[in-house]
Amino acid sequence: MAELTQEERCRYARSIAIDSIGIEGQRKLKESKVMVVGCGALGTVAATYLCASGVGHLAIADFDTIDISNLQRQIMFMDSDAGKPKCHTLASRLRMLNPTVRIEEIPQMIKEEDAERLFPEFDFIIDGSDNPATKTMTSEVCKRLSKPCCIGGVSEMRGQVLTCVPGSVFWHELFGGIKDSGFLPCAVSGVLGPVPGITGSIQATEAIKYITGVGNLLNDRLLTFDSAEMAFSVFRI
């Protein structure tokens, strides 16, 4: 297992101090490979925390450019970034945040054939897309490849997260393919800025838990929250 440098021991000292993670867990993170599908509100937050936490190889995929309407919730982008590619801009920020992490840019929409080719290279997939069709594709491909993934969704003031591992229920099985899960694209339903921050943070946490073997994942359990009521629920499937 890869050794941690003195700089890494200092950088990740607060994670290492957690008894259930420690040096061994941090080494596991250093050796891990995670892919984030989508560099929007969920993906930017999840990727930022994974990068800061020391995932060794982090791939981020997105085809879109930054719009000023994104800035209310996609907080790794600045006003001066409007019109720039999301994938490259986020990658640049992540490299400045943690130069010890290998950041791989995939500046394209991930279609089924791309997922079939790319997903096998990674230990864990995070879907931060904003539409049911992409979430369905991620779920179906991960199911076929026996690849763990975490899929999040946001709408208005609500969020949801489901982690899928081999043997558990996958997102597309729970929501019936491309049928509406109740979480429409935010351009249609709107979304409160901090809500994807909460959701993306939970997704990053699930990835870290899976890699380190710490805690209980949200597999066969759907987490939902309503920030208007500040109410969190976990439904067993």
Protein backbone atom coordinates (compact mmCIF):
# COMPACT_ATOMS: atom_id res chain seq x y z
CA MET A 1 0.00 0.00 0.00
CA ALA A 2 1.25 3.49 -0.89
CA GLU A 3 3.04 5.37 1.85
CA LEU A 4 1.97 8.87 2.85
CA THR A 5 4.50 11.65 2.56
CA GLN A 6 5.08 13.98 5.48
CA GLU A 7 3.20 16.69 3.60
CA GLU A 8 0.22 14.34 3.13
CA ARG A 9 0.25 13.39 6.81
CA CYS A 10 0.02 17.10 7.61
CA ARG A 11 -2.58 17.87 4.91
CA TYR A 12 -4.91 15.05 5.99
CA ALA A 13 -4.18 15.22 9.72
CA ARG A 14 -7.82 15.85 10.66
CA SER A 15 -9.00 12.81 8.69
CA ILE A 16 -6.19 10.63 10.02
CA ALA A 17 -7.17 11.64 13.56
CA ILE A 18 -10.50 9.82 13.10
CA ASP A 19 -9.91 6.41 14.69
CA SER A 20 -11.88 4.49 12.07
CA ILE A 21 -9.91 6.07 9.21
CA GLY A 22 -6.39 6.63 10.45
CA ILE A 23 -3.28 6.16 8.32
CA GLU A 24 -4.61 3.00 6.67
CA GLY A 25 -7.83 4.67 5.54
CA GLN A 26 -5.92 7.64 4.17
CA ARG A 27 -3.66 5.30 2.23
CA LYS A 28 -6.75 3.65 0.74
CA LEU A 29 -7.98 7.06 -0.40
CA LYS A 30 -4.60 7.82 -1.96
CA GLU A 31 -4.77 4.61 -3.98
CA SER A 32 -8.41 5.06 -5.03
CA LYS A 33 -9.92 6.19 -8.33
CA VAL A 34 -13.27 8.02 -8.42
CA MET A 35 -15.19 9.42 -11.37
CA VAL A 36 -17.71 12.26 -11.08
CA VAL A 37 -20.29 12.54 -13.86
CA GLY A 38 -21.34 16.16 -14.18
CA CYS A 39 -19.54 19.33 -13.08
CA GLY A 40 -22.65 21.21 -12.03
CA ALA A 41 -24.00 21.91 -8.58
CA LEU A 42 -23.68 18.37 -7.21
CA GLY A 43 -20.53 17.42 -9.09
CA THR A 44 -18.51 20.51 -8.16
CA VAL A 45 -19.19 20.01 -4.47
CA ALA A 46 -18.56 16.25 -4.49
CA ALA A 47 -15.38 16.62 -6.55
CA THR A 48 -14.07 19.41 -4.32
CA TYR A 49 -14.42 17.39 -1.13
CA LEU A 50 -13.00 14.26 -2.74
CA CYS A 51 -10.01 16.23 -3.98
CA ALA A 52 -9.50 17.87 -0.60
CA SER A 53 -9.83 14.48 1.11
CA GLY A 54 -6.98 12.96 -0.90
CA VAL A 55 -8.55 10.64 -3.47
CA GLY A 56 -5.57 9.65 -5.59
CA HIS A 57 -7.14 9.84 -9.05
CA LEU A 58 -10.24 11.95 -9.65
CA ALA A 59 -11.90 12.13 -13.06
CA ILE A 60 -14.52 14.80 -13.78
CA ALA A 61 -16.77 14.78 -16.84
CA ASP A 62 -18.91 17.54 -18.32
CA PHE A 63 -19.57 18.98 -21.79
CA ASP A 64 -21.17 22.28 -20.77
CA THR A 65 -19.97 25.85 -20.30
CA ILE A 66 -20.46 28.08 -17.28
CA ASP A 67 -23.47 30.39 -17.25
CA ILE A 68 -23.99 33.24 -14.83
CA SER A 69 -27.15 31.49 -13.63
CA ASN A 70 -24.95 28.61 -12.37
CA LEU A 71 -23.08 30.78 -9.86
CA GLN A 72 -25.88 30.77 -7.29
CA ARG A 73 -25.01 27.16 -6.42
CA GLN A 74 -21.87 26.09 -8.33
CA ILE A 75 -19.51 27.82 -5.96
CA MET A 76 -16.19 26.70 -7.45
CA PHE A 77 -16.90 29.01 -10.41
CA MET A 78 -16.39 32.78 -10.42
CA ASP A 79 -18.22 35.56 -12.25
CA SER A 80 -15.24 35.92 -14.61
CA ASP A 81 -15.60 32.23 -15.59
CA ALA A 82 -18.86 32.76 -17.49
CA GLY A 83 -18.60 31.15 -20.92
CA LYS A 84 -15.66 28.91 -19.99
CA PRO A 85 -15.84 25.08 -20.06
CA LYS A 86 -17.00 23.68 -16.73
CA CYS A 87 -14.74 20.63 -16.83
CA HIS A 88 -11.48 22.48 -17.47
CA THR A 89 -12.31 25.33 -15.09
CA LEU A 90 -13.16 22.98 -12.23
CA ALA A 91 -10.06 20.88 -12.92
CA SER A 92 -7.88 23.99 -12.66
CA ARG A 93 -9.42 24.92 -9.31
CA LEU A 94 -9.02 21.39 -7.97
CA ARG A 95 -5.35 21.28 -8.94
CA MET A 96 -4.81 24.51 -7.02
CA LEU A 97 -6.68 23.06 -4.03
CA ASN A 98 -4.67 19.85 -3.87
CA PRO A 99 -1.75 19.34 -6.27
CA THR A 100 -1.13 15.82 -4.92
CA VAL A 101 -4.32 14.50 -6.56
CA ARG A 102 -4.32 13.44 -10.20
CA ILE A 103 -7.20 15.29 -11.89
CA GLU A 104 -8.41 13.81 -15.18
CA GLU A 105 -10.57 15.96 -17.44
CA ILE A 106 -13.25 14.32 -19.60
CA PRO A 107 -14.82 17.26 -21.50
CA GLN A 108 -17.82 15.46 -22.97
CA MET A 109 -21.31 14.24 -22.25
CA ILE A 110 -21.06 10.70 -20.90
CA LYS A 111 -23.23 8.43 -23.01
CA GLU A 112 -23.78 4.74 -22.48
CA GLU A 113 -20.93 3.63 -24.71
CA ASP A 114 -18.59 6.07 -22.94
CA ALA A 115 -19.66 4.79 -19.54
CA GLU A 116 -19.09 1.18 -20.60
CA ARG A 117 -15.54 2.11 -21.58
CA LEU A 118 -14.66 4.47 -18.71
CA PHE A 119 -16.39 3.16 -15.58
CA PRO A 120 -14.33 -0.06 -15.27
CA GLU A 121 -11.21 2.04 -14.59
CA PHE A 122 -12.67 3.49 -11.38
CA ASP A 123 -13.45 2.21 -7.90
CA PHE A 124 -16.54 4.38 -7.41
CA ILE A 125 -18.83 6.51 -9.60
CA ILE A 126 -20.66 9.63 -8.47
CA ASP A 127 -23.53 10.86 -10.62
CA GLY A 128 -24.07 14.59 -10.23
CA SER A 129 -26.11 15.04 -13.40
CA ASP A 130 -29.31 17.06 -13.46
CA ASN A 131 -31.59 14.80 -15.49
CA PRO A 132 -33.22 11.37 -14.97
CA ALA A 133 -31.94 10.00 -18.30
CA THR A 134 -28.28 10.36 -17.32
CA LYS A 135 -28.92 9.02 -13.82
CA THR A 136 -30.65 6.02 -15.37
CA MET A 137 -27.74 5.44 -17.72
CA THR A 138 -25.21 5.63 -14.88
CA SER A 139 -27.27 3.26 -12.76
CA GLU A 140 -27.82 0.70 -15.54
CA VAL A 141 -24.17 0.62 -16.60
CA CYS A 142 -22.93 0.38 -13.01
CA LYS A 143 -25.37 -2.47 -12.41
CA ARG A 144 -24.06 -4.38 -15.45
CA LEU A 145 -20.45 -3.76 -14.47
CA SER A 146 -21.02 -4.51 -10.75
CA LYS A 147 -19.63 -1.03 -10.09
CA PRO A 148 -20.65 0.92 -6.95
CA CYS A 149 -22.13 4.37 -7.49
CA CYS A 150 -23.89 7.16 -5.63
CA ILE A 151 -26.67 9.09 -7.34
CA GLY A 152 -28.03 12.39 -6.02
CA GLY A 153 -30.86 14.67 -7.02
CA VAL A 154 -32.15 18.11 -6.03
CA SER A 155 -35.29 20.11 -6.69
CA GLU A 156 -36.53 23.34 -5.14
CA MET A 157 -35.59 22.92 -1.45
CA ARG A 158 -35.30 19.12 -1.44
CA GLY A 159 -32.53 16.61 -2.01
CA GLN A 160 -32.09 12.85 -2.20
CA VAL A 161 -29.17 10.41 -2.24
CA LEU A 162 -28.99 6.68 -3.00
CA THR A 163 -25.84 4.56 -2.99
CA CYS A 164 -25.88 1.45 -5.17
CA VAL A 165 -23.51 -1.49 -4.69
CA PRO A 166 -23.56 -5.00 -6.18
CA GLY A 167 -26.45 -6.88 -4.62
CA SER A 168 -28.40 -3.78 -3.62
CA VAL A 169 -31.23 -1.92 -5.35
CA PHE A 170 -29.99 0.40 -8.11
CA TRP A 171 -31.45 3.80 -8.92
CA HIS A 172 -33.13 2.77 -12.17
CA GLU A 173 -34.79 -0.20 -10.45
CA LEU A 174 -36.21 2.02 -7.75
CA PHE A 175 -37.47 4.78 -10.03
CA GLY A 176 -38.38 2.74 -13.11
CA GLY A 177 -35.91 3.87 -15.74
CA ILE A 178 -36.31 7.38 -17.11
CA LYS A 179 -39.58 8.02 -15.29
CA ASP A 180 -39.58 11.17 -13.22
CA SER A 181 -38.25 10.58 -9.72
CA GLY A 182 -39.78 13.86 -8.59
CA PHE A 183 -36.50 15.68 -9.12
CA LEU A 184 -36.68 17.73 -12.32
CA PRO A 185 -33.74 19.67 -13.81
CA CYS A 186 -33.25 22.80 -11.71
CA ALA A 187 -33.84 25.00 -14.77
CA VAL A 188 -37.42 23.71 -14.62
CA SER A 189 -38.10 23.35 -10.89
CA GLY A 190 -35.59 25.80 -9.43
CA VAL A 191 -33.28 24.99 -6.55
CA LEU A 192 -32.10 26.75 -3.40
CA GLY A 193 -28.34 27.28 -3.63
CA PRO A 194 -27.20 25.40 -0.50
CA VAL A 195 -29.34 22.30 -1.24
CA PRO A 196 -26.97 20.80 -3.84
CA GLY A 197 -24.11 21.63 -1.47
CA ILE A 198 -25.67 19.38 1.16
CA THR A 199 -26.44 16.67 -1.38
CA GLY A 200 -23.03 16.70 -3.05
CA SER A 201 -21.33 16.60 0.34
CA ILE A 202 -23.29 13.48 1.24
CA GLN A 203 -22.31 11.89 -2.07
CA ALA A 204 -18.62 12.59 -1.40
CA THR A 205 -19.02 11.15 2.09
CA GLU A 206 -20.50 7.96 0.67
CA ALA A 207 -17.56 7.56 -1.70
CA ILE A 208 -15.06 8.05 1.13
CA LYS A 209 -16.93 5.57 3.32
CA TYR A 210 -16.95 2.97 0.56
CA ILE A 211 -13.23 3.37 -0.15
CA THR A 212 -12.16 3.28 3.50
CA GLY A 213 -14.74 0.72 4.65
CA VAL A 214 -16.00 3.02 7.37
CA GLY A 215 -19.64 3.24 8.51
CA ASN A 216 -22.83 2.13 6.78
CA LEU A 217 -23.60 3.13 3.21
CA LEU A 218 -26.93 4.33 1.88
CA ASN A 219 -27.42 1.11 -0.08
CA ASP A 220 -31.00 -0.15 0.04
CA ARG A 221 -31.73 3.10 1.87
CA LEU A 222 -32.93 6.30 0.20
CA LEU A 223 -32.00 9.47 2.06
CA THR A 224 -34.24 12.46 1.44
CA PHE A 225 -34.34 15.88 3.03
CA ASP A 226 -36.53 18.95 2.91
CA SER A 227 -34.56 22.06 3.81
CA ALA A 228 -37.76 24.10 4.18
CA GLU A 229 -38.68 21.98 7.20
CA MET A 230 -35.06 20.93 7.92
CA ALA A 231 -36.29 17.35 8.00
CA PHE A 232 -34.18 14.35 6.99
CA SER A 233 -35.63 10.90 6.34
CA VAL A 234 -34.10 7.54 5.40
CA PHE A 235 -36.39 5.02 3.73
CA ARG A 236 -35.41 1.35 3.74
CA ILE A 237 -35.95 -0.29 0.38
